C-alpha atoms as a PDB file:
ATOM      1  CA  UNK A   1      -2.508  35.530  76.056  1.00  0.00           C
ATOM      2  CA  UNK A   2      -4.792  33.781  73.627  1.00  0.00           C
ATOM      3  CA  UNK A   3      -4.977  30.034  73.190  1.00  0.00           C
ATOM      4  CA  UNK A   4      -4.394  28.520  69.746  1.00  0.00           C
ATOM      5  CA  UNK A   5      -6.690  25.802  68.478  1.00  0.00           C
ATOM      6  CA  UNK A   6      -5.573  23.020  66.116  1.00  0.00           C
ATOM      7  CA  UNK A   7      -6.687  19.540  65.237  1.00  0.00           C
ATOM      8  CA  UNK A   8      -4.546  16.674  66.452  1.00  0.00           C
ATOM      9  CA  UNK A   9      -3.984  15.728  62.817  1.00  0.00           C
ATOM     10  CA  UNK A  10      -2.618  19.221  62.118  1.00  0.00           C
ATOM     11  CA  UNK A  11      -0.179  18.741  65.010  1.00  0.00           C
ATOM     12  CA  UNK A  12       1.001  15.404  63.610  1.00  0.00           C
ATOM     13  CA  UNK A  13       1.545  16.895  60.154  1.00  0.00           C
ATOM     14  CA  UNK A  14       3.016  20.216  61.316  1.00  0.00           C
ATOM     15  CA  UNK A  15       4.600  19.444  64.669  1.00  0.00           C
ATOM     16  CA  UNK A  16       7.474  21.903  64.229  1.00  0.00           C
ATOM     17  CA  UNK A  17       5.082  24.765  63.511  1.00  0.00           C
ATOM     18  CA  UNK A  18       2.847  23.897  66.479  1.00  0.00           C
ATOM     19  CA  UNK A  19       5.781  23.458  68.868  1.00  0.00           C
ATOM     20  CA  UNK A  20       7.132  26.851  67.808  1.00  0.00           C
ATOM     21  CA  UNK A  21       3.696  28.330  68.536  1.00  0.00           C
ATOM     22  CA  UNK A  22       3.720  26.780  72.036  1.00  0.00           C
ATOM     23  CA  UNK A  23       6.731  28.960  72.860  1.00  0.00           C
ATOM     24  CA  UNK A  24       4.391  31.979  72.700  1.00  0.00           C
ATOM     25  CA  UNK A  25       0.980  30.641  73.679  1.00  0.00           C
ATOM     26  CA  UNK A  26      -0.854  27.533  74.808  1.00  0.00           C
ATOM     27  CA  UNK A  27      -2.406  25.207  72.236  1.00  0.00           C
ATOM     28  CA  UNK A  28      -5.534  23.056  72.392  1.00  0.00           C
ATOM     29  CA  UNK A  29      -5.412  19.989  70.180  1.00  0.00           C
ATOM     30  CA  UNK A  30      -8.911  18.889  69.150  1.00  0.00           C
ATOM     31  CA  UNK A  31      -9.435  15.156  68.747  1.00  0.00           C
ATOM     32  CA  UNK A  32     -12.361  13.340  67.144  1.00  0.00           C
ATOM     33  CA  UNK A  33     -12.032  10.147  69.149  1.00  0.00           C
ATOM     34  CA  UNK A  34     -11.010  11.429  72.546  1.00  0.00           C
ATOM     35  CA  UNK A  35     -10.819  14.308  74.916  1.00  0.00           C
ATOM     36  CA  UNK A  36      -9.003  17.393  73.636  1.00  0.00           C
ATOM     37  CA  UNK A  37      -5.366  17.817  74.657  1.00  0.00           C
ATOM     38  CA  UNK A  38      -3.647  20.867  76.122  1.00  0.00           C
ATOM     39  CA  UNK A  39      -0.109  21.726  75.092  1.00  0.00           C
ATOM     40  CA  UNK A  40       1.820  24.442  76.871  1.00  0.00           C
ATOM     41  CA  UNK A  41       5.093  25.301  78.524  1.00  0.00           C
ATOM     42  CA  UNK A  42       5.526  23.918  82.031  1.00  0.00           C
ATOM     43  CA  UNK A  43       6.837  27.304  83.211  1.00  0.00           C
ATOM     44  CA  UNK A  44       3.508  28.964  82.309  1.00  0.00           C
ATOM     45  CA  UNK A  45       1.509  26.175  83.947  1.00  0.00           C
ATOM     46  CA  UNK A  46       3.697  26.274  87.041  1.00  0.00           C
ATOM     47  CA  UNK A  47       3.149  30.024  87.425  1.00  0.00           C
ATOM     48  CA  UNK A  48      -0.629  29.518  87.225  1.00  0.00           C
ATOM     49  CA  UNK A  49      -0.480  26.770  89.868  1.00  0.00           C
ATOM     50  CA  UNK A  50       1.716  28.931  92.114  1.00  0.00           C
ATOM     51  CA  UNK A  51      -0.722  31.842  91.805  1.00  0.00           C
ATOM     52  CA  UNK A  52      -3.692  29.585  92.573  1.00  0.00           C
ATOM     53  CA  UNK A  53      -1.848  28.250  95.597  1.00  0.00           C
ATOM     54  CA  UNK A  54      -1.184  31.720  96.945  1.00  0.00           C
ATOM     55  CA  UNK A  55      -4.800  32.766  96.392  1.00  0.00           C
ATOM     56  CA  UNK A  56      -6.155  29.615  98.025  1.00  0.00           C
ATOM     57  CA  UNK A  57      -3.950  30.029 101.097  1.00  0.00           C
ATOM     58  CA  UNK A  58      -4.777  33.744 101.389  1.00  0.00           C
ATOM     59  CA  UNK A  59      -8.496  33.029 101.139  1.00  0.00           C
ATOM     60  CA  UNK A  60      -8.277  30.294 103.740  1.00  0.00           C
ATOM     61  CA  UNK A  61      -6.239  32.496 106.107  1.00  0.00           C
ATOM     62  CA  UNK A  62      -8.491  35.514 105.608  1.00  0.00           C
ATOM     63  CA  UNK A  63     -11.582  33.528 106.536  1.00  0.00           C
ATOM     64  CA  UNK A  64     -10.366  31.917 109.752  1.00  0.00           C
ATOM     65  CA  UNK A  65     -12.473  34.463 111.611  1.00  0.00           C
ATOM     66  CA  UNK A  66     -16.132  33.319 111.696  1.00  0.00           C
ATOM     67  CA  UNK A  67     -17.594  36.810 111.099  1.00  0.00           C
ATOM     68  CA  UNK A  68     -15.374  37.347 108.069  1.00  0.00           C
ATOM     69  CA  UNK A  69     -16.236  33.912 106.705  1.00  0.00           C
ATOM     70  CA  UNK A  70     -19.967  34.611 107.055  1.00  0.00           C
ATOM     71  CA  UNK A  71     -19.610  38.038 105.375  1.00  0.00           C
ATOM     72  CA  UNK A  72     -17.669  36.598 102.459  1.00  0.00           C
ATOM     73  CA  UNK A  73     -20.073  33.668 102.099  1.00  0.00           C
ATOM     74  CA  UNK A  74     -23.037  36.034 102.008  1.00  0.00           C
ATOM     75  CA  UNK A  75     -21.414  38.059  99.208  1.00  0.00           C
ATOM     76  CA  UNK A  76     -20.573  35.066  97.008  1.00  0.00           C
ATOM     77  CA  UNK A  77     -23.296  35.966  94.512  1.00  0.00           C
ATOM     78  CA  UNK A  78     -21.218  38.894  93.244  1.00  0.00           C
ATOM     79  CA  UNK A  79     -18.587  36.468  91.956  1.00  0.00           C
ATOM     80  CA  UNK A  80     -20.633  33.294  91.558  1.00  0.00           C
ATOM     81  CA  UNK A  81     -24.203  34.383  90.718  1.00  0.00           C
ATOM     82  CA  UNK A  82     -25.558  30.817  90.825  1.00  0.00           C
ATOM     83  CA  UNK A  83     -24.907  30.726  94.606  1.00  0.00           C
ATOM     84  CA  UNK A  84     -27.901  33.052  94.965  1.00  0.00           C
ATOM     85  CA  UNK A  85     -30.090  29.966  94.706  1.00  0.00           C
ATOM     86  CA  UNK A  86     -28.420  28.219  97.640  1.00  0.00           C
ATOM     87  CA  UNK A  87     -29.999  28.750 101.053  1.00  0.00           C
ATOM     88  CA  UNK A  88     -27.780  30.867 103.360  1.00  0.00           C
ATOM     89  CA  UNK A  89     -26.595  27.893 105.443  1.00  0.00           C
ATOM     90  CA  UNK A  90     -25.673  25.925 102.316  1.00  0.00           C
ATOM     91  CA  UNK A  91     -23.886  28.979 100.889  1.00  0.00           C
ATOM     92  CA  UNK A  92     -21.719  29.062 104.018  1.00  0.00           C
ATOM     93  CA  UNK A  93     -21.138  25.297 103.776  1.00  0.00           C
ATOM     94  CA  UNK A  94     -20.141  25.667 100.115  1.00  0.00           C
ATOM     95  CA  UNK A  95     -17.721  28.481 100.919  1.00  0.00           C
ATOM     96  CA  UNK A  96     -16.074  26.506 103.735  1.00  0.00           C
ATOM     97  CA  UNK A  97     -15.689  23.488 101.445  1.00  0.00           C
ATOM     98  CA  UNK A  98     -14.407  25.683  98.613  1.00  0.00           C
ATOM     99  CA  UNK A  99     -11.654  27.281 100.675  1.00  0.00           C
ATOM    100  CA  UNK A 100     -10.472  24.085 102.353  1.00  0.00           C
ATOM    101  CA  UNK A 101     -10.600  22.056  99.131  1.00  0.00           C
ATOM    102  CA  UNK A 102      -8.729  24.734  97.177  1.00  0.00           C
ATOM    103  CA  UNK A 103      -5.959  24.771  99.779  1.00  0.00           C
ATOM    104  CA  UNK A 104      -5.805  20.954  99.814  1.00  0.00           C
ATOM    105  CA  UNK A 105      -5.679  20.780  96.011  1.00  0.00           C
ATOM    106  CA  UNK A 106      -2.665  23.066  96.011  1.00  0.00           C
ATOM    107  CA  UNK A 107      -0.868  20.718  98.395  1.00  0.00           C
ATOM    108  CA  UNK A 108      -1.444  17.631  96.237  1.00  0.00           C
ATOM    109  CA  UNK A 109      -1.026  19.542  92.953  1.00  0.00           C
ATOM    110  CA  UNK A 110      -4.294  18.477  91.379  1.00  0.00           C
ATOM    111  CA  UNK A 111      -7.375  20.635  90.916  1.00  0.00           C
ATOM    112  CA  UNK A 112      -9.910  18.040  89.787  1.00  0.00           C
ATOM    113  CA  UNK A 113     -11.401  17.692  93.298  1.00  0.00           C
ATOM    114  CA  UNK A 114     -12.035  21.446  93.328  1.00  0.00           C
ATOM    115  CA  UNK A 115     -13.718  21.290  89.918  1.00  0.00           C
ATOM    116  CA  UNK A 116     -15.914  18.378  91.103  1.00  0.00           C
ATOM    117  CA  UNK A 117     -16.852  20.285  94.263  1.00  0.00           C
ATOM    118  CA  UNK A 118     -17.887  23.362  92.279  1.00  0.00           C
ATOM    119  CA  UNK A 119     -19.838  21.276  89.748  1.00  0.00           C
ATOM    120  CA  UNK A 120     -21.687  19.480  92.554  1.00  0.00           C
ATOM    121  CA  UNK A 121     -22.649  22.684  94.329  1.00  0.00           C
ATOM    122  CA  UNK A 122     -23.709  24.300  91.038  1.00  0.00           C
ATOM    123  CA  UNK A 123     -25.998  21.306  90.444  1.00  0.00           C
ATOM    124  CA  UNK A 124     -27.395  21.753  93.970  1.00  0.00           C
ATOM    125  CA  UNK A 125     -28.099  25.419  93.196  1.00  0.00           C
ATOM    126  CA  UNK A 126     -29.845  24.356  89.995  1.00  0.00           C
ATOM    127  CA  UNK A 127     -32.152  22.076  91.982  1.00  0.00           C
ATOM    128  CA  UNK A 128     -32.952  24.914  94.402  1.00  0.00           C
ATOM    129  CA  UNK A 129     -33.623  27.251  91.453  1.00  0.00           C
ATOM    130  CA  UNK A 130     -35.966  24.876  89.650  1.00  0.00           C
ATOM    131  CA  UNK A 131     -38.924  23.676  91.711  1.00  0.00           C
ATOM    132  CA  UNK A 132     -39.962  21.245  88.944  1.00  0.00           C
ATOM    133  CA  UNK A 133     -36.557  19.599  89.021  1.00  0.00           C
ATOM    134  CA  UNK A 134     -36.683  19.399  92.812  1.00  0.00           C
ATOM    135  CA  UNK A 135     -40.106  17.753  92.590  1.00  0.00           C
ATOM    136  CA  UNK A 136     -38.857  15.210  90.051  1.00  0.00           C
ATOM    137  CA  UNK A 137     -35.912  14.325  92.274  1.00  0.00           C
ATOM    138  CA  UNK A 138     -38.152  13.893  95.321  1.00  0.00           C
ATOM    139  CA  UNK A 139     -40.538  11.392  93.683  1.00  0.00           C
ATOM    140  CA  UNK A 140     -40.808   8.063  95.495  1.00  0.00           C
ATOM    141  CA  UNK A 141     -39.307   5.207  93.499  1.00  0.00           C
ATOM    142  CA  UNK A 142     -40.301   1.571  93.674  1.00  0.00           C
ATOM    143  CA  UNK A 143     -37.810  -0.832  95.114  1.00  0.00           C
ATOM    144  CA  UNK A 144     -35.946  -1.208  98.347  1.00  0.00           C
ATOM    145  CA  UNK A 145     -35.402   2.026 100.223  1.00  0.00           C
ATOM    146  CA  UNK A 146     -31.777   3.076 100.103  1.00  0.00           C
ATOM    147  CA  UNK A 147     -30.750   6.009 102.207  1.00  0.00           C
ATOM    148  CA  UNK A 148     -27.997   8.095 100.619  1.00  0.00           C
ATOM    149  CA  UNK A 149     -26.081  10.514 102.789  1.00  0.00           C
ATOM    150  CA  UNK A 150     -24.906  13.835 101.424  1.00  0.00           C
ATOM    151  CA  UNK A 151     -21.113  13.801 101.249  1.00  0.00           C
ATOM    152  CA  UNK A 152     -19.322  15.910 103.834  1.00  0.00           C
ATOM    153  CA  UNK A 153     -16.917  18.628 102.753  1.00  0.00           C
ATOM    154  CA  UNK A 154     -13.337  17.480 102.838  1.00  0.00           C
END
């Protein structure tokens, strides 16, 4: 199914046409002064959330065994090529956080924490991939020393 794209103004002027379109496909409403909006049927969204929930639970259950978890973590690059830049121990840490966070997100019905987790780990991979960036981030800064701990996976 493709996603239709309209301006918010078009929606205001042609709401009946856009609402009829939503019956068949999702619509993105582009706004100049704010974040774009998503318009779709709840039944379609609910089926996506249900499918994600099943996949998250299956992945979590399938990786209870340590050997399986390590094998899957080591093959992450096939699905998420940027994980190649993570050291092996961090790849395993990312995978453990990914599976537990995905399952938790299903339970609370919000996926923003999962998106933030993935974005954070992708940024970590970028630092590992770019020695110049790593050097810039490791430069001593003037001022009082403030130790920042890396957040633990939830």
